[in-house]
Every structure is written in structure tokens, then in C-alpha cells.
Amino acid sequence: MVAIVGMLVQQSGIHFAGDAYTNTDIFGAIGSVGWGVNLQILLTIGIIESSNFYKHYDDETIPGNIEWGSEVLTKLSPEKQLWRQEQEIVHGRLAMIAFVGALVQTLIFEKPLLSL
């Protein structure tokens, strides 16, 4: 979900200050920012993933739950919790389809998502 939002924000022209960050092409932007920025992104993703790497699931834990914002769900009834968890899966899958569709559109038509 964050990937498609990031793609839309980048292609709309919202960016950090500096010439390196003005590229709205989703494939060209990776090369225009330099290796340092890409390394920071890779390390951040690696830290998040490695913090959950050895998490083992038993009968009481939920697969995929990294416990960010979980305290909001504890205030809901069990039925509402299950409904919210199902909505997270549905919206996550929809966002994956949207992201792949945006990538394919950019590759085939060489146009960003927001240029239509």
C-alpha cells in the first residue's frame, strides 16, 4: 500500500529539495538519487525485516502482525478485529495489483500513472 502511494506522490511532483529528487520517472529516479540514498532505503527495509525474522507464530499470534498499531485493534470486539484484519488483507492485495498495474503501464506506454 505504501508503494502505490509513494509512486503517486513521486509522479505528482512532490519531492525533497534538490535536483536529484526532481525526477518523476519511477525507474529513472533510482539512478538519479545516487547510491547513498538507495543504501539508506535498503538498510531501513533490512532492519524492519530482520527485526521480525525470528518471530515464531503459535496459536495466539497472528501471521504478518509486526505489532505496529495493534493497540487500536485491542479496543475492538473480536468480530470487529477479524473484520479489520480481513480488510487489511483485501486492501493489501488490491494495492499490490495497483502497483503492478502502474509499473506495467509505465513500461508499456512510457507514461507515468498521473499523465493520463
N, C-alpha and C. Protein backbone atom coordinates (compact mmCIF):
# COMPACT_ATOMS: atom_id res chain seq x y z
N MET A 1 0.82 -1.18 0.00
CA MET A 1 0.00 0.00 0.00
C MET A 1 0.88 1.25 0.00
N VAL A 2 1.96 1.19 0.72
CA VAL A 2 2.87 2.33 0.76
C VAL A 2 3.54 2.54 -0.60
N ALA A 3 3.78 1.45 -1.32
CA ALA A 3 4.46 1.55 -2.62
C ALA A 3 3.62 2.32 -3.63
N ILE A 4 2.32 2.04 -3.71
CA ILE A 4 1.49 2.74 -4.68
C ILE A 4 1.30 4.20 -4.27
N VAL A 5 1.19 4.46 -2.98
CA VAL A 5 1.10 5.85 -2.52
C VAL A 5 2.39 6.59 -2.83
N GLY A 6 3.52 5.95 -2.60
CA GLY A 6 4.81 6.58 -2.92
C GLY A 6 4.95 6.86 -4.40
N MET A 7 4.47 5.95 -5.23
CA MET A 7 4.54 6.15 -6.67
C MET A 7 3.68 7.35 -7.09
N LEU A 8 2.48 7.44 -6.53
CA LEU A 8 1.59 8.55 -6.87
C LEU A 8 2.16 9.90 -6.40
N VAL A 9 2.73 9.92 -5.21
CA VAL A 9 3.32 11.16 -4.69
C VAL A 9 4.50 11.58 -5.55
N GLN A 10 5.36 10.63 -5.92
CA GLN A 10 6.53 10.94 -6.74
C GLN A 10 6.11 11.48 -8.10
N GLN A 11 5.14 10.84 -8.73
CA GLN A 11 4.74 11.25 -10.06
C GLN A 11 3.92 12.54 -10.06
N SER A 12 3.38 12.92 -8.90
CA SER A 12 2.64 14.18 -8.84
C SER A 12 3.58 15.37 -8.71
N GLY A 13 4.85 15.12 -8.45
CA GLY A 13 5.83 16.20 -8.37
C GLY A 13 6.21 16.61 -6.97
N ILE A 14 5.67 15.97 -5.97
CA ILE A 14 6.03 16.27 -4.59
C ILE A 14 7.35 15.56 -4.30
N HIS A 15 8.36 16.31 -3.86
CA HIS A 15 9.67 15.71 -3.66
C HIS A 15 10.47 16.52 -2.65
N PHE A 16 11.59 15.96 -2.23
CA PHE A 16 12.52 16.66 -1.36
C PHE A 16 13.22 17.76 -2.16
N ALA A 17 13.78 18.70 -1.44
CA ALA A 17 14.52 19.78 -2.11
C ALA A 17 15.80 19.22 -2.72
N GLY A 18 16.18 19.73 -3.89
CA GLY A 18 17.39 19.30 -4.56
C GLY A 18 17.10 18.74 -5.93
N ASP A 19 18.04 18.95 -6.85
CA ASP A 19 17.85 18.50 -8.23
C ASP A 19 17.81 16.98 -8.36
N ALA A 20 18.46 16.26 -7.48
CA ALA A 20 18.49 14.80 -7.58
C ALA A 20 17.12 14.18 -7.34
N TYR A 21 16.23 14.91 -6.66
CA TYR A 21 14.94 14.34 -6.28
C TYR A 21 13.79 14.80 -7.19
N THR A 22 14.08 15.51 -8.27
CA THR A 22 13.02 16.03 -9.12
C THR A 22 12.59 15.08 -10.22
N ASN A 23 13.24 13.96 -10.38
CA ASN A 23 12.90 13.00 -11.44
C ASN A 23 11.59 12.31 -11.09
N THR A 24 10.57 12.45 -11.96
CA THR A 24 9.28 11.82 -11.70
C THR A 24 9.15 10.44 -12.36
N ASP A 25 10.16 10.02 -13.10
CA ASP A 25 10.16 8.69 -13.71
C ASP A 25 10.49 7.67 -12.63
N ILE A 26 9.61 6.67 -12.45
CA ILE A 26 9.80 5.74 -11.35
C ILE A 26 11.03 4.87 -11.51
N PHE A 27 11.47 4.67 -12.73
CA PHE A 27 12.67 3.86 -12.95
C PHE A 27 13.92 4.73 -13.00
N GLY A 28 13.81 5.94 -13.49
CA GLY A 28 14.95 6.84 -13.56
C GLY A 28 15.32 7.46 -12.23
N ALA A 29 14.35 7.56 -11.34
CA ALA A 29 14.61 8.18 -10.04
C ALA A 29 15.60 7.37 -9.20
N ILE A 30 15.60 6.08 -9.39
CA ILE A 30 16.53 5.23 -8.62
C ILE A 30 17.98 5.60 -8.93
N GLY A 31 18.26 5.85 -10.20
CA GLY A 31 19.61 6.21 -10.60
C GLY A 31 19.98 7.66 -10.35
N SER A 32 18.98 8.54 -10.29
CA SER A 32 19.29 9.96 -10.15
C SER A 32 19.60 10.37 -8.72
N VAL A 33 19.20 9.58 -7.72
CA VAL A 33 19.45 9.98 -6.34
C VAL A 33 20.81 9.53 -5.81
N GLY A 34 21.41 8.57 -6.46
CA GLY A 34 22.73 8.12 -6.03
C GLY A 34 22.66 6.89 -5.15
N TRP A 35 23.82 6.30 -4.92
CA TRP A 35 23.86 5.03 -4.19
C TRP A 35 23.62 5.21 -2.70
N GLY A 36 23.96 6.36 -2.14
CA GLY A 36 23.80 6.59 -0.70
C GLY A 36 22.34 6.54 -0.26
N VAL A 37 21.49 7.20 -1.02
CA VAL A 37 20.06 7.21 -0.70
C VAL A 37 19.48 5.81 -0.85
N ASN A 38 19.84 5.13 -1.93
CA ASN A 38 19.35 3.77 -2.14
C ASN A 38 19.84 2.83 -1.05
N LEU A 39 21.05 3.02 -0.57
CA LEU A 39 21.58 2.21 0.52
C LEU A 39 20.80 2.45 1.81
N GLN A 40 20.46 3.71 2.08
CA GLN A 40 19.66 4.02 3.28
C GLN A 40 18.30 3.34 3.23
N ILE A 41 17.67 3.37 2.07
CA ILE A 41 16.36 2.71 1.92
C ILE A 41 16.50 1.21 2.12
N LEU A 42 17.52 0.62 1.51
CA LEU A 42 17.74 -0.82 1.64
C LEU A 42 18.02 -1.21 3.09
N LEU A 43 18.83 -0.42 3.79
CA LEU A 43 19.13 -0.72 5.19
C LEU A 43 17.90 -0.58 6.08
N THR A 44 17.07 0.42 5.81
CA THR A 44 15.85 0.60 6.59
C THR A 44 14.92 -0.59 6.42
N ILE A 45 14.73 -1.03 5.18
CA ILE A 45 13.89 -2.20 4.93
C ILE A 45 14.51 -3.44 5.59
N GLY A 46 15.83 -3.57 5.51
CA GLY A 46 16.51 -4.71 6.13
C GLY A 46 16.34 -4.74 7.64
N ILE A 47 16.40 -3.58 8.28
CA ILE A 47 16.22 -3.52 9.74
C ILE A 47 14.81 -3.93 10.12
N ILE A 48 13.82 -3.43 9.39
CA ILE A 48 12.43 -3.79 9.69
C ILE A 48 12.21 -5.28 9.49
N GLU A 49 12.70 -5.82 8.39
CA GLU A 49 12.51 -7.24 8.12
C GLU A 49 13.28 -8.12 9.10
N SER A 50 14.50 -7.73 9.44
CA SER A 50 15.28 -8.57 10.35
C SER A 50 14.75 -8.51 11.78
N SER A 51 14.08 -7.43 12.15
CA SER A 51 13.51 -7.37 13.49
C SER A 51 12.37 -8.38 13.66
N ASN A 52 11.80 -8.83 12.55
CA ASN A 52 10.71 -9.81 12.60
C ASN A 52 11.11 -11.17 12.03
N PHE A 53 12.38 -11.35 11.73
CA PHE A 53 12.82 -12.57 11.05
C PHE A 53 12.64 -13.82 11.90
N TYR A 54 12.96 -13.72 13.16
CA TYR A 54 12.90 -14.89 14.04
C TYR A 54 11.59 -14.97 14.83
N LYS A 55 10.60 -14.22 14.40
CA LYS A 55 9.32 -14.25 15.08
C LYS A 55 8.60 -15.55 14.73
N HIS A 56 8.32 -16.33 15.73
CA HIS A 56 7.64 -17.60 15.52
C HIS A 56 6.18 -17.45 15.93
N TYR A 57 5.32 -18.07 15.18
CA TYR A 57 3.90 -17.94 15.44
C TYR A 57 3.37 -19.19 16.11
N ASP A 58 2.61 -18.96 17.15
CA ASP A 58 1.94 -20.05 17.81
C ASP A 58 0.43 -19.83 17.66
N ASP A 59 -0.36 -20.44 18.50
CA ASP A 59 -1.81 -20.33 18.37
C ASP A 59 -2.33 -18.94 18.75
N GLU A 60 -1.56 -18.17 19.50
CA GLU A 60 -2.05 -16.88 19.98
C GLU A 60 -1.60 -15.70 19.12
N THR A 61 -0.64 -15.87 18.26
CA THR A 61 -0.16 -14.75 17.45
C THR A 61 -0.72 -14.82 16.03
N ILE A 62 -0.69 -13.69 15.36
CA ILE A 62 -1.26 -13.57 14.02
C ILE A 62 -0.12 -13.42 13.01
N PRO A 63 -0.06 -14.27 12.00
CA PRO A 63 0.99 -14.14 10.99
C PRO A 63 0.93 -12.78 10.30
N GLY A 64 2.09 -12.16 10.13
CA GLY A 64 2.17 -10.86 9.46
C GLY A 64 1.99 -9.68 10.38
N ASN A 65 1.62 -9.91 11.63
CA ASN A 65 1.41 -8.82 12.57
C ASN A 65 2.74 -8.45 13.20
N ILE A 66 3.25 -7.28 12.86
CA ILE A 66 4.51 -6.82 13.45
C ILE A 66 4.25 -5.87 14.61
N GLU A 67 2.99 -5.82 15.04
CA GLU A 67 2.56 -5.10 16.24
C GLU A 67 2.79 -3.60 16.17
N TRP A 68 2.62 -3.03 14.98
CA TRP A 68 2.63 -1.58 14.84
C TRP A 68 1.18 -1.13 14.74
N GLY A 69 0.67 -0.50 15.74
CA GLY A 69 -0.71 -0.05 15.75
C GLY A 69 -1.68 -1.10 16.25
N SER A 70 -1.17 -2.17 16.83
CA SER A 70 -2.04 -3.25 17.31
C SER A 70 -2.90 -2.84 18.49
N GLU A 71 -2.47 -1.83 19.24
CA GLU A 71 -3.25 -1.41 20.41
C GLU A 71 -4.62 -0.85 20.02
N VAL A 72 -4.75 -0.38 18.79
CA VAL A 72 -6.05 0.10 18.32
C VAL A 72 -7.02 -1.06 18.17
N LEU A 73 -6.52 -2.19 17.68
CA LEU A 73 -7.38 -3.35 17.49
C LEU A 73 -7.84 -3.98 18.80
N THR A 74 -7.06 -3.85 19.86
CA THR A 74 -7.43 -4.48 21.12
C THR A 74 -8.65 -3.83 21.74
N LYS A 75 -8.98 -2.62 21.34
CA LYS A 75 -10.15 -1.92 21.87
C LYS A 75 -11.44 -2.36 21.19
N LEU A 76 -11.32 -3.11 20.09
CA LEU A 76 -12.50 -3.54 19.34
C LEU A 76 -12.97 -4.91 19.81
N SER A 77 -14.20 -5.24 19.47
CA SER A 77 -14.71 -6.57 19.77
C SER A 77 -14.01 -7.60 18.89
N PRO A 78 -14.02 -8.87 19.26
CA PRO A 78 -13.35 -9.90 18.44
C PRO A 78 -13.89 -9.96 17.01
N GLU A 79 -15.18 -9.75 16.83
CA GLU A 79 -15.75 -9.76 15.48
C GLU A 79 -15.21 -8.61 14.65
N LYS A 80 -15.14 -7.42 15.26
CA LYS A 80 -14.61 -6.25 14.55
C LYS A 80 -13.12 -6.42 14.25
N GLN A 81 -12.39 -7.06 15.17
CA GLN A 81 -10.96 -7.31 14.93
C GLN A 81 -10.77 -8.19 13.72
N LEU A 82 -11.55 -9.27 13.62
CA LEU A 82 -11.45 -10.15 12.46
C LEU A 82 -11.82 -9.43 11.17
N TRP A 83 -12.83 -8.57 11.24
CA TRP A 83 -13.24 -7.81 10.06
C TRP A 83 -12.13 -6.86 9.62
N ARG A 84 -11.51 -6.15 10.56
CA ARG A 84 -10.41 -5.24 10.24
C ARG A 84 -9.21 -5.99 9.67
N GLN A 85 -8.90 -7.15 10.21
CA GLN A 85 -7.78 -7.93 9.68
C GLN A 85 -8.06 -8.40 8.27
N GLU A 86 -9.29 -8.78 8.00
CA GLU A 86 -9.66 -9.19 6.64
C GLU A 86 -9.58 -8.02 5.68
N GLN A 87 -10.00 -6.84 6.12
CA GLN A 87 -9.91 -5.65 5.28
C GLN A 87 -8.46 -5.29 4.97
N GLU A 88 -7.57 -5.50 5.92
CA GLU A 88 -6.14 -5.25 5.69
C GLU A 88 -5.60 -6.15 4.59
N ILE A 89 -6.00 -7.41 4.60
CA ILE A 89 -5.55 -8.35 3.57
C ILE A 89 -6.12 -7.95 2.21
N VAL A 90 -7.41 -7.64 2.17
CA VAL A 90 -8.06 -7.27 0.91
C VAL A 90 -7.43 -6.01 0.33
N HIS A 91 -7.25 -4.99 1.15
CA HIS A 91 -6.68 -3.74 0.66
C HIS A 91 -5.21 -3.89 0.29
N GLY A 92 -4.49 -4.74 1.01
CA GLY A 92 -3.10 -5.02 0.66
C GLY A 92 -2.98 -5.69 -0.70
N ARG A 93 -3.85 -6.65 -0.96
CA ARG A 93 -3.84 -7.33 -2.26
C ARG A 93 -4.23 -6.37 -3.37
N LEU A 94 -5.23 -5.52 -3.12
CA LEU A 94 -5.64 -4.54 -4.12
C LEU A 94 -4.50 -3.56 -4.42
N ALA A 95 -3.77 -3.17 -3.39
CA ALA A 95 -2.64 -2.27 -3.59
C ALA A 95 -1.52 -2.94 -4.39
N MET A 96 -1.31 -4.24 -4.17
CA MET A 96 -0.30 -4.96 -4.96
C MET A 96 -0.69 -5.01 -6.43
N ILE A 97 -1.97 -5.24 -6.70
CA ILE A 97 -2.45 -5.25 -8.09
C ILE A 97 -2.29 -3.86 -8.70
N ALA A 98 -2.62 -2.82 -7.95
CA ALA A 98 -2.48 -1.45 -8.44
C ALA A 98 -1.03 -1.10 -8.73
N PHE A 99 -0.12 -1.52 -7.86
CA PHE A 99 1.29 -1.22 -8.06
C PHE A 99 1.83 -1.92 -9.31
N VAL A 100 1.50 -3.19 -9.47
CA VAL A 100 1.96 -3.92 -10.66
C VAL A 100 1.34 -3.31 -11.91
N GLY A 101 0.08 -2.94 -11.85
CA GLY A 101 -0.57 -2.29 -12.99
C GLY A 101 0.08 -0.97 -13.36
N ALA A 102 0.46 -0.19 -12.36
CA ALA A 102 1.14 1.08 -12.62
C ALA A 102 2.52 0.85 -13.22
N LEU A 103 3.24 -0.16 -12.75
CA LEU A 103 4.54 -0.49 -13.33
C LEU A 103 4.41 -0.92 -14.79
N VAL A 104 3.44 -1.79 -15.06
CA VAL A 104 3.25 -2.27 -16.43
C VAL A 104 2.85 -1.12 -17.35
N GLN A 105 1.97 -0.24 -16.88
CA GLN A 105 1.57 0.91 -17.69
C GLN A 105 2.76 1.79 -18.02
N THR A 106 3.60 2.02 -17.04
CA THR A 106 4.78 2.85 -17.27
C THR A 106 5.74 2.19 -18.25
N LEU A 107 5.93 0.88 -18.12
CA LEU A 107 6.83 0.17 -19.03
C LEU A 107 6.29 0.10 -20.46
N ILE A 108 5.00 -0.15 -20.62
CA ILE A 108 4.43 -0.32 -21.96
C ILE A 108 4.25 1.01 -22.67
N PHE A 109 3.65 1.98 -21.98
CA PHE A 109 3.30 3.23 -22.63
C PHE A 109 4.29 4.35 -22.38
N GLU A 110 5.28 4.11 -21.53
CA GLU A 110 6.30 5.09 -21.18
C GLU A 110 5.68 6.39 -20.68
N LYS A 111 4.58 6.26 -19.97
CA LYS A 111 3.91 7.41 -19.38
C LYS A 111 3.72 7.13 -17.89
N PRO A 112 3.92 8.13 -17.06
CA PRO A 112 3.62 7.94 -15.64
C PRO A 112 2.13 7.76 -15.41
N LEU A 113 1.79 7.27 -14.28
CA LEU A 113 0.41 6.99 -13.93
C LEU A 113 -0.47 8.24 -13.97
N LEU A 114 0.04 9.37 -13.54
CA LEU A 114 -0.77 10.57 -13.45
C LEU A 114 -0.83 11.39 -14.72
N SER A 115 -0.23 10.93 -15.81
CA SER A 115 -0.19 11.73 -17.03
C SER A 115 -1.37 11.46 -17.96
N LEU A 116 -2.26 10.55 -17.60
CA LEU A 116 -3.39 10.22 -18.46
C LEU A 116 -4.45 11.25 -18.47
